[in-house]
Protein backbone atom coordinates (compact mmCIF):
# COMPACT_ATOMS: atom_id res chain seq x y z
CA UNK A 1 97.13 81.47 91.69
CA UNK A 2 98.21 80.12 88.26
CA UNK A 3 97.50 82.25 85.20
CA UNK A 4 95.63 80.49 82.40
CA UNK A 5 96.33 81.30 78.75
CA UNK A 6 93.30 81.78 76.49
CA UNK A 7 92.62 82.26 72.81
CA UNK A 8 89.89 84.77 72.03
CA UNK A 9 88.21 84.56 68.63
CA UNK A 10 87.34 87.82 66.87
CA UNK A 11 84.48 88.36 64.44
CA UNK A 12 86.85 88.77 61.48
CA UNK A 13 88.38 85.33 61.93
CA UNK A 14 91.49 86.52 63.75
CA UNK A 15 92.35 85.47 67.26
CA UNK A 16 94.08 87.25 70.12
CA UNK A 17 95.64 85.93 73.29
CA UNK A 18 94.29 86.37 76.78
CA UNK A 19 95.39 85.70 80.35
CA UNK A 20 92.86 84.66 82.99
CA UNK A 21 93.69 84.96 86.67
CA UNK A 22 91.08 84.23 89.33
CA UNK A 23 91.23 83.73 93.09
CA UNK A 24 88.85 81.30 94.80
CA UNK A 25 85.41 82.84 95.27
CA UNK A 26 86.24 86.02 93.39
CA UNK A 27 84.06 88.96 94.42
CA UNK A 28 84.41 90.72 91.05
CA UNK A 29 86.04 90.31 87.64
CA UNK A 30 87.81 92.99 85.59
CA UNK A 31 88.36 92.78 81.83
CA UNK A 32 91.67 94.61 81.52
CA UNK A 33 92.96 96.15 78.27
CA UNK A 34 96.60 97.17 77.81
CA UNK A 35 98.07 100.54 76.85
CA UNK A 36 99.36 101.54 73.43
CA UNK A 37 103.02 100.65 73.90
CA UNK A 38 103.01 97.45 75.96
CA UNK A 39 100.91 94.30 75.80
CA UNK A 40 99.09 92.21 78.34
CA UNK A 41 102.27 90.50 79.60
CA UNK A 42 104.10 93.70 80.49
CA UNK A 43 105.11 93.87 84.14
CA UNK A 44 102.74 96.76 84.79
CA UNK A 45 99.78 94.73 83.54
CA UNK A 46 100.91 91.67 85.45
CA UNK A 47 101.26 93.75 88.62
CA UNK A 48 97.69 95.00 88.27
CA UNK A 49 96.34 91.49 87.69
CA UNK A 50 98.36 90.00 90.55
CA UNK A 51 97.40 92.78 92.92
CA UNK A 52 93.71 92.45 92.09
CA UNK A 53 93.89 88.70 92.59
CA UNK A 54 95.36 89.24 96.05
CA UNK A 55 92.34 91.44 96.78
CA UNK A 56 89.78 88.89 95.62
CA UNK A 57 89.25 90.16 92.07
CA UNK A 58 89.59 88.01 88.95
CA UNK A 59 90.90 89.49 85.72
CA UNK A 60 91.11 88.78 82.02
CA UNK A 61 93.97 90.54 80.27
CA UNK A 62 94.05 90.40 76.47
CA UNK A 63 95.90 91.64 73.43
CA UNK A 64 94.63 94.06 70.85
CA UNK A 65 95.16 92.66 67.31
CA UNK A 66 98.07 94.97 66.45
CA UNK A 67 99.93 93.87 69.58
CA UNK A 68 99.18 90.22 68.85
CA UNK A 69 100.81 90.67 65.43
CA UNK A 70 103.79 92.47 66.92
CA UNK A 71 102.88 95.80 65.33
CA UNK A 72 103.50 99.26 66.74
CA UNK A 73 100.63 101.25 65.21
CA UNK A 74 97.47 100.87 67.27
CA UNK A 75 94.34 99.41 65.71
CA UNK A 76 91.64 101.67 64.27
CA UNK A 77 88.88 102.19 66.84
CA UNK A 78 86.37 99.78 65.22
CA UNK A 79 88.95 96.98 65.37
CA UNK A 80 89.88 97.76 68.95
CA UNK A 81 86.22 98.03 69.99
CA UNK A 82 85.51 94.60 68.50
CA UNK A 83 88.38 93.12 70.53
CA UNK A 84 87.01 94.71 73.69
CA UNK A 85 83.60 93.14 73.08
CA UNK A 86 84.97 89.67 72.45
CA UNK A 87 87.20 89.86 75.54
CA UNK A 88 84.20 90.90 77.63
CA UNK A 89 82.23 87.96 76.21
CA UNK A 90 85.08 85.57 77.08
CA UNK A 91 85.29 86.92 80.63
CA UNK A 92 81.53 86.79 81.06
CA UNK A 93 81.52 83.11 80.10
CA UNK A 94 84.14 82.36 82.77
CA UNK A 95 82.95 84.72 85.48
CA UNK A 96 79.42 83.35 85.65
CA UNK A 97 77.47 85.30 88.26
CA UNK A 98 80.55 87.20 89.47
CA UNK A 99 80.06 90.98 88.99
CA UNK A 100 81.79 92.00 85.76
CA UNK A 101 83.68 95.25 85.11
CA UNK A 102 85.78 96.45 82.18
CA UNK A 103 88.51 98.99 81.59
CA UNK A 104 92.23 99.21 81.13
CA UNK A 105 95.43 101.17 81.03
CA UNK A 106 95.57 104.39 78.99
CA UNK A 107 94.73 103.47 75.35
CA UNK A 108 92.92 100.37 76.58
CA UNK A 109 90.81 102.46 78.92
CA UNK A 110 89.76 104.79 76.12
CA UNK A 111 88.96 101.97 73.68
CA UNK A 112 86.82 100.30 76.35
CA UNK A 113 84.92 103.50 77.11
CA UNK A 114 84.38 104.19 73.41
CA UNK A 115 83.02 100.68 72.89
CA UNK A 116 80.62 101.11 75.81
CA UNK A 117 79.50 104.51 74.53
CA UNK A 118 78.64 103.05 71.11
CA UNK A 119 76.74 100.04 72.47
CA UNK A 120 76.61 98.64 76.01
CA UNK A 121 79.08 95.87 76.83
CA UNK A 122 76.85 92.98 77.86
CA UNK A 123 76.96 92.18 81.54
CA UNK A 124 79.38 94.97 82.48
CA UNK A 125 78.44 96.88 85.64
CA UNK A 126 81.06 99.63 85.58
CA UNK A 127 84.22 100.90 83.95
CA UNK A 128 87.65 101.41 85.54
CA UNK A 129 90.27 103.63 83.92
CA UNK A 130 93.91 103.32 84.95
CA UNK A 131 95.29 106.67 83.71
CA UNK A 132 92.67 107.78 81.17
CA UNK A 133 94.49 109.48 78.23
CA UNK A 134 92.54 112.72 77.98
CA UNK A 135 94.88 114.29 75.40
CA UNK A 136 98.37 113.92 73.87
CA UNK A 137 101.23 115.13 76.04
CA UNK A 138 101.63 118.90 75.77
CA UNK A 139 98.31 119.38 73.95
CA UNK A 140 95.62 119.89 76.62
CA UNK A 141 92.10 119.31 75.32
CA UNK A 142 88.99 117.47 76.42
CA UNK A 143 87.50 116.33 73.11
CA UNK A 144 88.62 112.73 73.73
CA UNK A 145 86.20 112.65 76.64
CA UNK A 146 83.09 113.75 74.76
CA UNK A 147 81.90 110.16 74.24
CA UNK A 148 81.81 109.60 78.01
CA UNK A 149 78.55 111.56 78.17
CA UNK A 150 76.86 108.63 76.38
CA UNK A 151 77.86 106.19 79.12
CA UNK A 152 75.34 105.52 81.87
CA UNK A 153 77.46 103.05 83.86
CA UNK A 154 79.48 104.04 86.94
CA UNK A 155 83.05 105.03 86.04
CA UNK A 156 86.17 105.10 88.20
CA UNK A 157 89.09 107.29 87.11
CA UNK A 158 92.41 106.41 88.76
CA UNK A 159 94.80 109.18 87.83
CA UNK A 160 98.17 110.59 88.76
CA UNK A 161 98.20 114.30 89.62
CA UNK A 162 101.22 114.78 87.34
CA UNK A 163 99.86 112.78 84.39
CA UNK A 164 101.08 114.52 81.21
CA UNK A 165 98.18 112.97 79.27
CA UNK A 166 95.48 114.38 81.53
CA UNK A 167 95.86 118.00 82.64
CA UNK A 168 94.37 118.00 86.13
CA UNK A 169 91.97 120.91 85.77
CA UNK A 170 90.58 119.56 82.50
CA UNK A 171 90.14 116.09 83.94
CA UNK A 172 88.39 117.39 87.03
CA UNK A 173 86.01 119.33 84.78
CA UNK A 174 85.27 116.23 82.69
CA UNK A 175 84.51 114.17 85.78
CA UNK A 176 82.36 116.92 87.30
CA UNK A 177 80.29 117.08 84.12
CA UNK A 178 79.62 113.33 84.35
CA UNK A 179 77.95 113.85 87.71
CA UNK A 180 77.29 110.94 90.04
CA UNK A 181 78.28 108.41 87.37
CA UNK A 182 81.97 109.23 87.76
CA UNK A 183 84.45 108.99 90.63
CA UNK A 184 87.94 110.49 90.43
CA UNK A 185 90.69 109.14 92.66
CA UNK A 186 93.92 111.14 92.41
CA UNK A 187 97.38 109.83 93.19
CA UNK A 188 99.61 112.58 94.56
CA UNK A 189 102.86 113.20 92.61
CA UNK A 190 102.22 110.25 90.25
CA UNK A 191 102.68 110.40 86.48
CA UNK A 192 100.88 108.51 83.68
CA UNK A 193 102.54 105.25 84.76
CA UNK A 194 101.79 105.85 88.46
CA UNK A 195 105.49 106.45 89.04
CA UNK A 196 106.33 108.86 91.86
CA UNK A 197 109.63 110.69 92.45
CA UNK A 198 111.98 109.20 95.03
CA UNK A 199 111.79 112.42 97.06
CA UNK A 200 108.19 111.55 98.00
CA UNK A 201 109.51 108.71 100.12
CA UNK A 202 107.08 106.30 98.49
CA UNK A 203 107.82 103.32 96.27
CA UNK A 204 105.93 102.69 93.05
CA UNK A 205 104.76 99.36 94.45
CA UNK A 206 103.17 101.15 97.42
CA UNK A 207 101.41 103.57 95.09
CA UNK A 208 100.04 100.76 92.92
CA UNK A 209 98.88 98.86 96.01
CA UNK A 210 96.87 101.90 97.10
CA UNK A 211 95.37 102.28 93.62
CA UNK A 212 94.38 98.61 93.49
CA UNK A 213 92.87 98.77 96.95
CA UNK A 214 90.62 101.58 95.77
CA UNK A 215 89.70 99.68 92.59
CA UNK A 216 88.87 96.48 94.47
CA UNK A 217 86.74 98.33 97.02
CA UNK A 218 84.89 100.21 94.29
CA UNK A 219 84.02 96.95 92.51
CA UNK A 220 82.75 95.47 95.77
CA UNK A 221 80.19 98.18 96.52
């Protein structure tokens, strides 16, 4: 399916770019935020959108303002949260009655969850996190997850077992404390980018396909 370019207006007068990709008769729609170091057009983001489309899920990828300007320092949370809300509004207008979900990769996942914790994202039924960044590499801590307790929506954590930004025991504890709201799906041997060593005999594309299959099924329940 062809990808459609969008312009998303922010409350401060700025605009950011978006990419809409939807199969015929989509069964769900995911508002997908990028990670800190690569924007919506990065091959990893495109692979997620393409893979979801193949599985009947529409997506709206979008830029955070700093990425739109070509900057390297991420936006302050209030700025990022505002972008999340406007992207959700843009997707909601296009998705119509299609079930709407939100989330993202790493930084984008955390900004989406923070926005939801502060005030519900209108129309969103659940959150999907592709490699939630629980802490900086080498500095295990769970304080970045405290805001998740304020979220009442279902949450899906898709996480590599060897993710340096989410020590496994800590992450499992966070998810357990969220109770029935949270589901954790672990990817054996995968890192923060869902890359697996060659010795596993698996290709990264196979790993991502499995992750996207889980995400698509979760959104269809």
